[in-house]
Amino acid sequence: MTFTMTSGRRLGLFIRTMDSFLSNCLDLDLIKNWVVCDDRSSREDLLTMRRRYSFMEFVQARQPGQPASLNRLFSLAETEWFVHWEDDWLTCRRGHFLRRALDIAHADPRNRNVVLCGWQGVHVKDGPISYNGHVYHPKGSAIHYRQTDWFWYGYSLNPGLQHKPTVEILGAYNEDATTRDFDKPAAIKYRELGLRRVNPPERYVEHIGEDNAAWEMKT
């Protein structure tokens, strides 16, 4: 399995994110290669990152911005399923969550995006496998939004499991995008294909960055 991550100019958050993942993921044996696409970190910070995590490959996109970084990363994923992360998510629960995510993905061919945020939704139990399915409900209440992410179309770039063939069907992101919803067309297409975003009932990650930081466009 490939591990991919976007990062950029936030060394402290990157270290916290990586250290928490390495300490809490009990499925590290599944990951065969690690790739980080960095967006404009300083030479000194990149040197620190390479020294501290010498097993990781650090690459750069053709141009600044999250869409370009994602396009580069996803093209480098070498396995059918890969783990995608961002540099401002703390792994807050220890466990075999990658194996669990794979079990959830294999439980239904529509489950092509398994995130670890612990959203509520339609609970599904299939023998020993249980998970929550995303519900798209744009007229839901505010509390509904906070618990279920109802307003979004489903497909998410939040930490979790991605399916390379599905990513290829969704297509590349517009690298000239100037708003944070650059991934909206892919999410709509994902929903129109009849695919589902799902997650384990438990929350394994916690967002520790600023709301807009991970979506920063090129400047």
C-alpha atoms as a PDB file:
ATOM      1  CA  MET A   1       0.000   0.000   0.000  1.00  0.00           C
ATOM      2  CA  THR A   2       1.157   3.551  -0.748  1.00  0.00           C
ATOM      3  CA  PHE A   3       0.973   6.361   1.820  1.00  0.00           C
ATOM      4  CA  THR A   4       0.535   9.848   0.340  1.00  0.00           C
ATOM      5  CA  MET A   5       0.501  13.213   2.079  1.00  0.00           C
ATOM      6  CA  THR A   6       0.306  16.880   1.141  1.00  0.00           C
ATOM      7  CA  SER A   7       2.398  19.298   3.183  1.00  0.00           C
ATOM      8  CA  GLY A   8       3.694  22.820   2.996  1.00  0.00           C
ATOM      9  CA  ARG A   9       5.360  25.426   5.217  1.00  0.00           C
ATOM     10  CA  ARG A  10       4.022  23.946   8.472  1.00  0.00           C
ATOM     11  CA  LEU A  11       6.885  21.933   9.890  1.00  0.00           C
ATOM     12  CA  GLY A  12       5.465  21.742  13.409  1.00  0.00           C
ATOM     13  CA  LEU A  13       2.123  20.406  12.247  1.00  0.00           C
ATOM     14  CA  PHE A  14       3.814  17.976   9.859  1.00  0.00           C
ATOM     15  CA  ILE A  15       5.914  16.492  12.674  1.00  0.00           C
ATOM     16  CA  ARG A  16       2.932  16.192  15.028  1.00  0.00           C
ATOM     17  CA  THR A  17       0.904  14.555  12.274  1.00  0.00           C
ATOM     18  CA  MET A  18       3.575  12.056  11.298  1.00  0.00           C
ATOM     19  CA  ASP A  19       4.640  11.165  14.833  1.00  0.00           C
ATOM     20  CA  SER A  20       1.053  10.539  15.919  1.00  0.00           C
ATOM     21  CA  PHE A  21       0.412   8.369  12.852  1.00  0.00           C
ATOM     22  CA  LEU A  22       3.554   6.307  13.370  1.00  0.00           C
ATOM     23  CA  SER A  23       2.787   5.860  17.075  1.00  0.00           C
ATOM     24  CA  ASN A  24      -0.867   4.907  16.687  1.00  0.00           C
ATOM     25  CA  CYS A  25      -1.122   2.990  13.419  1.00  0.00           C
ATOM     26  CA  LEU A  26      -0.681  -0.731  14.054  1.00  0.00           C
ATOM     27  CA  ASP A  27      -0.782  -1.510  10.327  1.00  0.00           C
ATOM     28  CA  LEU A  28       2.508   0.043   9.239  1.00  0.00           C
ATOM     29  CA  ASP A  29       3.485  -3.300   7.713  1.00  0.00           C
ATOM     30  CA  LEU A  30       0.889  -2.677   4.990  1.00  0.00           C
ATOM     31  CA  ILE A  31       2.641   0.471   3.770  1.00  0.00           C
ATOM     32  CA  LYS A  32       5.352  -0.246   1.233  1.00  0.00           C
ATOM     33  CA  ASN A  33       6.162   3.269   0.074  1.00  0.00           C
ATOM     34  CA  TRP A  34       5.681   6.740   1.514  1.00  0.00           C
ATOM     35  CA  VAL A  35       5.361   9.858  -0.671  1.00  0.00           C
ATOM     36  CA  VAL A  36       4.958  13.478   0.451  1.00  0.00           C
ATOM     37  CA  CYS A  37       4.275  16.300  -1.996  1.00  0.00           C
ATOM     38  CA  ASP A  38       5.543  19.465  -0.343  1.00  0.00           C
ATOM     39  CA  ASP A  39       4.361  22.937  -1.296  1.00  0.00           C
ATOM     40  CA  ARG A  40       6.995  25.620  -0.815  1.00  0.00           C
ATOM     41  CA  SER A  41       8.535  24.639   2.525  1.00  0.00           C
ATOM     42  CA  SER A  42      11.901  26.236   3.193  1.00  0.00           C
ATOM     43  CA  ARG A  43      15.098  24.391   2.340  1.00  0.00           C
ATOM     44  CA  GLU A  44      15.869  24.102   6.050  1.00  0.00           C
ATOM     45  CA  ASP A  45      12.470  22.627   6.869  1.00  0.00           C
ATOM     46  CA  LEU A  46      12.699  20.138   4.019  1.00  0.00           C
ATOM     47  CA  LEU A  47      16.103  19.044   5.246  1.00  0.00           C
ATOM     48  CA  THR A  48      14.663  18.475   8.731  1.00  0.00           C
ATOM     49  CA  MET A  49      11.763  16.480   7.288  1.00  0.00           C
ATOM     50  CA  ARG A  50      14.053  14.297   5.175  1.00  0.00           C
ATOM     51  CA  ARG A  51      16.404  13.613   8.061  1.00  0.00           C
ATOM     52  CA  ARG A  52      13.639  12.851  10.551  1.00  0.00           C
ATOM     53  CA  TYR A  53      11.663  10.632   8.145  1.00  0.00           C
ATOM     54  CA  SER A  54      14.351   9.175   5.939  1.00  0.00           C
ATOM     55  CA  PHE A  55      12.025   6.415   4.703  1.00  0.00           C
ATOM     56  CA  MET A  56       9.802   8.961   2.947  1.00  0.00           C
ATOM     57  CA  GLU A  57      10.140  10.284  -0.590  1.00  0.00           C
ATOM     58  CA  PHE A  58       9.602  14.040  -0.897  1.00  0.00           C
ATOM     59  CA  VAL A  59       8.462  15.447  -4.229  1.00  0.00           C
ATOM     60  CA  GLN A  60       7.136  18.752  -5.522  1.00  0.00           C
ATOM     61  CA  ALA A  61       4.303  19.556  -7.894  1.00  0.00           C
ATOM     62  CA  ARG A  62       4.675  21.436 -11.159  1.00  0.00           C
ATOM     63  CA  GLN A  63       3.198  24.536  -9.558  1.00  0.00           C
ATOM     64  CA  PRO A  64       2.041  25.722  -6.105  1.00  0.00           C
ATOM     65  CA  GLY A  65      -1.377  24.876  -4.708  1.00  0.00           C
ATOM     66  CA  GLN A  66      -3.296  21.941  -3.309  1.00  0.00           C
ATOM     67  CA  PRO A  67      -4.769  20.731  -6.635  1.00  0.00           C
ATOM     68  CA  ALA A  68      -1.330  20.417  -8.246  1.00  0.00           C
ATOM     69  CA  SER A  69       0.052  18.595  -5.199  1.00  0.00           C
ATOM     70  CA  LEU A  70      -2.826  16.115  -5.239  1.00  0.00           C
ATOM     71  CA  ASN A  71      -2.465  15.453  -8.957  1.00  0.00           C
ATOM     72  CA  ARG A  72       1.221  14.703  -8.506  1.00  0.00           C
ATOM     73  CA  LEU A  73       0.668  12.507  -5.450  1.00  0.00           C
ATOM     74  CA  PHE A  74      -2.181  10.477  -6.873  1.00  0.00           C
ATOM     75  CA  SER A  75      -0.203   9.805 -10.036  1.00  0.00           C
ATOM     76  CA  LEU A  76       2.561   8.300  -7.875  1.00  0.00           C
ATOM     77  CA  ALA A  77       0.324   5.931  -5.901  1.00  0.00           C
ATOM     78  CA  GLU A  78       1.470   2.459  -6.932  1.00  0.00           C
ATOM     79  CA  THR A  79      -1.227   0.302  -5.353  1.00  0.00           C
ATOM     80  CA  GLU A  80      -4.951  -0.251  -5.951  1.00  0.00           C
ATOM     81  CA  TRP A  81      -5.739   1.094  -2.480  1.00  0.00           C
ATOM     82  CA  PHE A  82      -3.651   3.828  -0.911  1.00  0.00           C
ATOM     83  CA  VAL A  83      -3.690   5.856   2.290  1.00  0.00           C
ATOM     84  CA  HIS A  84      -4.017   9.615   1.832  1.00  0.00           C
ATOM     85  CA  TRP A  85      -3.261  12.111   4.597  1.00  0.00           C
ATOM     86  CA  GLU A  86      -2.824  15.857   5.103  1.00  0.00           C
ATOM     87  CA  ASP A  87      -0.219  17.462   7.330  1.00  0.00           C
ATOM     88  CA  ASP A  88      -2.648  18.806   9.944  1.00  0.00           C
ATOM     89  CA  TRP A  89      -4.479  15.711  11.177  1.00  0.00           C
ATOM     90  CA  LEU A  90      -3.574  14.099  14.483  1.00  0.00           C
ATOM     91  CA  THR A  91      -4.086  10.341  14.795  1.00  0.00           C
ATOM     92  CA  CYS A  92      -5.978  10.264  18.082  1.00  0.00           C
ATOM     93  CA  ARG A  93      -6.843   6.573  18.439  1.00  0.00           C
ATOM     94  CA  ARG A  94      -4.490   3.593  18.346  1.00  0.00           C
ATOM     95  CA  GLY A  95      -5.455   0.551  16.376  1.00  0.00           C
ATOM     96  CA  HIS A  96      -5.506  -1.504  13.192  1.00  0.00           C
ATOM     97  CA  PHE A  97      -7.495   1.181  11.385  1.00  0.00           C
ATOM     98  CA  LEU A  98      -5.994   0.577   7.942  1.00  0.00           C
ATOM     99  CA  ARG A  99      -6.963  -3.086   7.981  1.00  0.00           C
ATOM    100  CA  ARG A 100     -10.352  -2.095   9.292  1.00  0.00           C
ATOM    101  CA  ALA A 101     -10.757   0.440   6.480  1.00  0.00           C
ATOM    102  CA  LEU A 102      -9.843  -2.229   3.923  1.00  0.00           C
ATOM    103  CA  ASP A 103     -12.420  -4.608   5.403  1.00  0.00           C
ATOM    104  CA  ILE A 104     -15.055  -1.865   5.126  1.00  0.00           C
ATOM    105  CA  ALA A 105     -14.054  -1.115   1.537  1.00  0.00           C
ATOM    106  CA  HIS A 106     -14.328  -4.778   0.571  1.00  0.00           C
ATOM    107  CA  ALA A 107     -17.723  -5.149   2.266  1.00  0.00           C
ATOM    108  CA  ASP A 108     -19.471  -3.325  -0.590  1.00  0.00           C
ATOM    109  CA  PRO A 109     -18.160  -2.409  -4.068  1.00  0.00           C
ATOM    110  CA  ARG A 110     -19.668   1.057  -3.646  1.00  0.00           C
ATOM    111  CA  ASN A 111     -17.370   1.808  -0.696  1.00  0.00           C
ATOM    112  CA  ARG A 112     -14.510   3.431  -2.590  1.00  0.00           C
ATOM    113  CA  ASN A 113     -13.670   6.176  -0.072  1.00  0.00           C
ATOM    114  CA  VAL A 114     -13.159   5.208   3.588  1.00  0.00           C
ATOM    115  CA  VAL A 115     -12.354   8.143   5.860  1.00  0.00           C
ATOM    116  CA  LEU A 116     -11.404   8.062   9.532  1.00  0.00           C
ATOM    117  CA  CYS A 117     -13.165  11.173  10.853  1.00  0.00           C
ATOM    118  CA  GLY A 118     -15.899   9.313  12.716  1.00  0.00           C
ATOM    119  CA  TRP A 119     -18.863  10.948  10.996  1.00  0.00           C
ATOM    120  CA  GLN A 120     -22.335   9.765  11.929  1.00  0.00           C
ATOM    121  CA  GLY A 121     -24.649   8.486   9.194  1.00  0.00           C
ATOM    122  CA  VAL A 122     -26.526   5.367   8.142  1.00  0.00           C
ATOM    123  CA  HIS A 123     -25.135   2.546  10.246  1.00  0.00           C
ATOM    124  CA  VAL A 124     -24.389  -0.657   8.349  1.00  0.00           C
ATOM    125  CA  LYS A 125     -23.538  -3.991   9.955  1.00  0.00           C
ATOM    126  CA  ASP A 126     -22.445  -6.849   7.718  1.00  0.00           C
ATOM    127  CA  GLY A 127     -21.407  -9.721   9.962  1.00  0.00           C
ATOM    128  CA  PRO A 128     -18.339  -8.588  11.893  1.00  0.00           C
ATOM    129  CA  ILE A 129     -17.979  -5.467   9.696  1.00  0.00           C
ATOM    130  CA  SER A 130     -19.747  -2.294  10.820  1.00  0.00           C
ATOM    131  CA  TYR A 131     -19.491   1.235   9.495  1.00  0.00           C
ATOM    132  CA  ASN A 132     -21.401   4.466   8.893  1.00  0.00           C
ATOM    133  CA  GLY A 133     -22.448   5.576   5.422  1.00  0.00           C
ATOM    134  CA  HIS A 134     -22.520   9.237   4.412  1.00  0.00           C
ATOM    135  CA  VAL A 135     -25.929  10.892   3.983  1.00  0.00           C
ATOM    136  CA  TYR A 136     -26.319  13.776   1.535  1.00  0.00           C
ATOM    137  CA  HIS A 137     -29.036  16.006   2.987  1.00  0.00           C
ATOM    138  CA  PRO A 138     -28.494  19.653   1.937  1.00  0.00           C
ATOM    139  CA  LYS A 139     -31.531  20.892   3.890  1.00  0.00           C
ATOM    140  CA  GLY A 140     -30.419  19.393   7.185  1.00  0.00           C
ATOM    141  CA  SER A 141     -30.008  21.310  10.429  1.00  0.00           C
ATOM    142  CA  ALA A 142     -26.792  22.824  11.735  1.00  0.00           C
ATOM    143  CA  ILE A 143     -26.358  20.084  14.330  1.00  0.00           C
ATOM    144  CA  HIS A 144     -26.916  17.515  11.607  1.00  0.00           C
ATOM    145  CA  TYR A 145     -24.086  19.117   9.623  1.00  0.00           C
ATOM    146  CA  ARG A 146     -21.659  19.013  12.537  1.00  0.00           C
ATOM    147  CA  GLN A 147     -22.313  15.340  13.122  1.00  0.00           C
ATOM    148  CA  THR A 148     -22.682  13.990   9.584  1.00  0.00           C
ATOM    149  CA  ASP A 149     -21.201  16.380   6.993  1.00  0.00           C
ATOM    150  CA  TRP A 150     -24.613  16.321   5.308  1.00  0.00           C
ATOM    151  CA  PHE A 151     -24.021  19.265   2.935  1.00  0.00           C
ATOM    152  CA  TRP A 152     -21.175  17.614   1.008  1.00  0.00           C
ATOM    153  CA  TYR A 153     -21.591  15.223  -1.903  1.00  0.00           C
ATOM    154  CA  GLY A 154     -19.670  12.433  -0.247  1.00  0.00           C
ATOM    155  CA  TYR A 155     -16.206  11.888  -1.660  1.00  0.00           C
ATOM    156  CA  SER A 156     -13.579  13.351   0.664  1.00  0.00           C
ATOM    157  CA  LEU A 157      -9.852  14.059   0.714  1.00  0.00           C
ATOM    158  CA  ASN A 158      -9.767  13.783   4.507  1.00  0.00           C
ATOM    159  CA  PRO A 159      -7.424  11.133   5.986  1.00  0.00           C
ATOM    160  CA  GLY A 160      -8.368   7.644   4.953  1.00  0.00           C
ATOM    161  CA  LEU A 161      -8.367   5.097   2.185  1.00  0.00           C
ATOM    162  CA  GLN A 162      -8.469   5.997  -1.506  1.00  0.00           C
ATOM    163  CA  HIS A 163      -9.075   3.693  -4.465  1.00  0.00           C
ATOM    164  CA  LYS A 164      -6.641   4.373  -7.325  1.00  0.00           C
ATOM    165  CA  PRO A 165      -8.919   3.197 -10.189  1.00  0.00           C
ATOM    166  CA  THR A 166     -11.730   5.394  -8.833  1.00  0.00           C
ATOM    167  CA  VAL A 167      -9.391   8.368  -8.464  1.00  0.00           C
ATOM    168  CA  GLU A 168      -8.444   7.929 -12.120  1.00  0.00           C
ATOM    169  CA  ILE A 169     -12.110   7.868 -13.150  1.00  0.00           C
ATOM    170  CA  LEU A 170     -12.770  11.089 -11.221  1.00  0.00           C
ATOM    171  CA  GLY A 171      -9.937  12.754 -13.124  1.00  0.00           C
ATOM    172  CA  ALA A 172      -7.310  15.371 -12.359  1.00  0.00           C
ATOM    173  CA  TYR A 173      -8.040  18.498 -10.338  1.00  0.00           C
ATOM    174  CA  ASN A 174      -8.036  21.907 -11.988  1.00  0.00           C
ATOM    175  CA  GLU A 175      -4.635  23.332 -11.073  1.00  0.00           C
ATOM    176  CA  ASP A 176      -5.771  26.858 -11.911  1.00  0.00           C
ATOM    177  CA  ALA A 177      -8.545  26.781  -9.298  1.00  0.00           C
ATOM    178  CA  THR A 178      -8.620  29.746  -6.932  1.00  0.00           C
ATOM    179  CA  THR A 179     -11.252  28.598  -4.408  1.00  0.00           C
ATOM    180  CA  ARG A 180     -11.175  25.923  -1.739  1.00  0.00           C
ATOM    181  CA  ASP A 181     -13.985  23.891  -3.303  1.00  0.00           C
ATOM    182  CA  PHE A 182     -11.794  22.808  -6.207  1.00  0.00           C
ATOM    183  CA  ASP A 183     -12.703  19.197  -5.377  1.00  0.00           C
ATOM    184  CA  LYS A 184     -16.449  19.748  -5.729  1.00  0.00           C
ATOM    185  CA  PRO A 185     -16.700  18.427  -9.341  1.00  0.00           C
ATOM    186  CA  ALA A 186     -14.975  15.194  -8.298  1.00  0.00           C
ATOM    187  CA  ALA A 187     -17.287  14.797  -5.303  1.00  0.00           C
ATOM    188  CA  ILE A 188     -20.378  15.342  -7.461  1.00  0.00           C
ATOM    189  CA  LYS A 189     -19.114  12.836 -10.026  1.00  0.00           C
ATOM    190  CA  TYR A 190     -18.395  10.322  -7.271  1.00  0.00           C
ATOM    191  CA  ARG A 191     -21.968  10.609  -6.020  1.00  0.00           C
ATOM    192  CA  GLU A 192     -23.403  10.375  -9.543  1.00  0.00           C
ATOM    193  CA  LEU A 193     -21.479   7.136 -10.051  1.00  0.00           C
ATOM    194  CA  GLY A 194     -23.444   5.664  -7.139  1.00  0.00           C
ATOM    195  CA  LEU A 195     -20.368   5.363  -4.928  1.00  0.00           C
ATOM    196  CA  ARG A 196     -20.351   5.962  -1.183  1.00  0.00           C
ATOM    197  CA  ARG A 197     -18.102   7.570   1.360  1.00  0.00           C
ATOM    198  CA  VAL A 198     -18.026   5.526   4.547  1.00  0.00           C
ATOM    199  CA  ASN A 199     -16.180   5.462   7.844  1.00  0.00           C
ATOM    200  CA  PRO A 200     -15.707   3.359  10.976  1.00  0.00           C
ATOM    201  CA  PRO A 201     -18.058   4.511  13.760  1.00  0.00           C
ATOM    202  CA  GLU A 202     -15.031   5.516  15.867  1.00  0.00           C
ATOM    203  CA  ARG A 203     -13.028   8.658  15.193  1.00  0.00           C
ATOM    204  CA  TYR A 204      -9.345   8.030  14.519  1.00  0.00           C
ATOM    205  CA  VAL A 205      -8.211  11.509  13.476  1.00  0.00           C
ATOM    206  CA  GLU A 206      -8.536  15.053  14.753  1.00  0.00           C
ATOM    207  CA  HIS A 207      -8.000  18.202  12.702  1.00  0.00           C
ATOM    208  CA  ILE A 208      -5.309  20.420  14.259  1.00  0.00           C
ATOM    209  CA  GLY A 209      -4.737  22.991  11.504  1.00  0.00           C
ATOM    210  CA  GLU A 210      -6.502  26.201  10.612  1.00  0.00           C
ATOM    211  CA  ASP A 211      -9.716  25.707   8.638  1.00  0.00           C
ATOM    212  CA  ASN A 212      -8.371  27.117   5.388  1.00  0.00           C
ATOM    213  CA  ALA A 213      -4.738  26.071   5.669  1.00  0.00           C
ATOM    214  CA  ALA A 214      -4.978  22.733   3.892  1.00  0.00           C
ATOM    215  CA  TRP A 215      -6.932  24.302   1.032  1.00  0.00           C
ATOM    216  CA  GLU A 216      -4.601  27.197   0.322  1.00  0.00           C
ATOM    217  CA  MET A 217      -4.454  28.040  -3.348  1.00  0.00           C
ATOM    218  CA  LYS A 218      -1.388  29.215  -5.172  1.00  0.00           C
ATOM    219  CA  THR A 219      -0.231  32.765  -4.459  1.00  0.00           C
END
